[in-house]
Protein backbone atom coordinates (compact mmCIF):
# COMPACT_ATOMS: atom_id res chain seq x y z
CA UNK A 1 102.38 -0.69 0.29
CA UNK A 2 105.39 1.09 -1.77
CA UNK A 3 104.81 4.68 -3.47
CA UNK A 4 106.99 4.03 -6.27
CA UNK A 5 105.51 4.74 -10.02
CA UNK A 6 108.14 5.84 -12.30
CA UNK A 7 108.52 5.04 -15.60
CA UNK A 8 111.06 6.32 -18.52
CA UNK A 9 109.89 5.30 -22.41
CA UNK A 10 111.65 6.53 -25.39
CA UNK A 11 109.73 5.79 -28.63
CA UNK A 12 108.46 7.47 -31.64
CA UNK A 13 104.85 9.58 -31.50
CA UNK A 14 102.79 7.45 -33.70
CA UNK A 15 99.53 9.67 -33.95
CA UNK A 16 99.57 13.71 -34.13
CA UNK A 17 98.49 14.55 -30.60
CA UNK A 18 95.58 15.66 -29.62
CA UNK A 19 94.59 18.81 -27.46
CA UNK A 20 91.75 19.33 -24.94
CA UNK A 21 90.55 20.45 -21.65
CA UNK A 22 89.21 18.74 -18.94
CA UNK A 23 86.01 19.28 -17.14
CA UNK A 24 88.28 21.73 -14.46
CA UNK A 25 89.70 23.40 -17.58
CA UNK A 26 93.28 21.74 -17.50
CA UNK A 27 94.82 21.25 -20.85
CA UNK A 28 95.82 17.57 -21.73
CA UNK A 29 97.19 16.25 -24.74
CA UNK A 30 97.04 12.85 -25.55
CA UNK A 31 99.01 10.75 -27.93
CA UNK A 32 100.33 7.25 -28.71
CA UNK A 33 104.14 6.45 -27.86
CA UNK A 34 105.60 3.37 -30.05
CA UNK A 35 108.43 1.53 -28.46
CA UNK A 36 110.78 -0.60 -29.98
CA UNK A 37 114.44 -2.61 -28.68
CA UNK A 38 116.05 -5.37 -27.45
CA UNK A 39 116.53 -5.95 -23.91
CA UNK A 40 118.32 -8.85 -21.95
CA UNK A 41 115.84 -11.68 -20.08
CA UNK A 42 117.43 -14.69 -18.15
CA UNK A 43 120.40 -13.52 -20.20
CA UNK A 44 118.56 -13.92 -23.46
CA UNK A 45 118.53 -11.00 -26.10
CA UNK A 46 114.75 -10.53 -26.38
CA UNK A 47 112.83 -7.84 -29.19
CA UNK A 48 110.31 -5.82 -27.08
CA UNK A 49 107.63 -3.98 -29.08
CA UNK A 50 104.56 -2.10 -27.21
CA UNK A 51 102.56 0.80 -27.81
CA UNK A 52 101.31 3.32 -24.77
CA UNK A 53 98.93 6.14 -24.47
CA UNK A 54 100.77 9.21 -22.88
CA UNK A 55 98.54 11.85 -21.30
CA UNK A 56 100.12 15.59 -20.83
CA UNK A 57 98.13 17.66 -18.42
CA UNK A 58 99.13 20.97 -17.60
CA UNK A 59 100.03 24.21 -19.82
CA UNK A 60 103.61 23.65 -19.32
CA UNK A 61 103.45 20.34 -21.08
CA UNK A 62 100.41 21.30 -23.46
CA UNK A 63 103.43 23.64 -24.92
CA UNK A 64 106.15 21.19 -24.98
CA UNK A 65 103.43 18.59 -26.82
CA UNK A 66 102.42 21.59 -29.20
CA UNK A 67 106.01 21.40 -30.98
CA UNK A 68 106.20 17.56 -31.42
CA UNK A 69 104.13 15.86 -34.20
CA UNK A 70 103.75 11.83 -35.91
CA UNK A 71 107.28 10.68 -36.29
CA UNK A 72 109.51 12.35 -33.61
CA UNK A 73 111.18 11.07 -31.42
CA UNK A 74 110.73 11.86 -27.85
CA UNK A 75 111.78 10.45 -24.65
CA UNK A 76 108.82 10.24 -21.61
CA UNK A 77 109.06 10.28 -17.87
CA UNK A 78 106.16 9.86 -15.37
CA UNK A 79 103.42 7.60 -13.96
CA UNK A 80 101.20 4.84 -14.67
CA UNK A 81 97.79 5.30 -13.88
CA UNK A 82 94.61 4.41 -15.54
CA UNK A 83 93.07 5.77 -18.56
CA UNK A 84 89.93 6.55 -16.89
CA UNK A 85 88.29 6.52 -13.75
CA UNK A 86 85.19 4.80 -14.60
CA UNK A 87 85.13 1.61 -12.78
CA UNK A 88 85.16 -0.97 -15.48
CA UNK A 89 88.23 0.94 -17.21
CA UNK A 90 91.31 -1.05 -16.43
CA UNK A 91 93.86 0.37 -19.51
CA UNK A 92 96.83 2.14 -18.48
CA UNK A 93 98.37 5.53 -19.65
CA UNK A 94 101.96 7.07 -19.12
CA UNK A 95 100.90 10.27 -17.31
CA UNK A 96 104.05 12.50 -18.53
CA UNK A 97 105.51 14.55 -16.40
CA UNK A 98 108.95 15.40 -18.77
CA UNK A 99 108.60 15.26 -22.35
CA UNK A 100 111.87 15.24 -24.15
CA UNK A 101 112.36 15.28 -27.90
CA UNK A 102 115.23 13.43 -29.10
């Protein structure tokens, strides 16, 4: 099994970031990122659009996320994982490792 799981996505924050602490006391900030672009698939242009939840964990990312607001353009790099560890939960989220305001 390969360990590759990297994702870089740019887009616009479409809801105000919400912060809280996990039960273990880890700062968590969550927001939804909207991406729109044109990609080439099978040699043809294709418009792409999606929204993804971004979860930023830790003190350093909390400080970055505290400066973000709805409408900001950002580039997020991280990995994909489930939003929740409940067995029946299958929705994915982008777990941020870096967030750069554009």
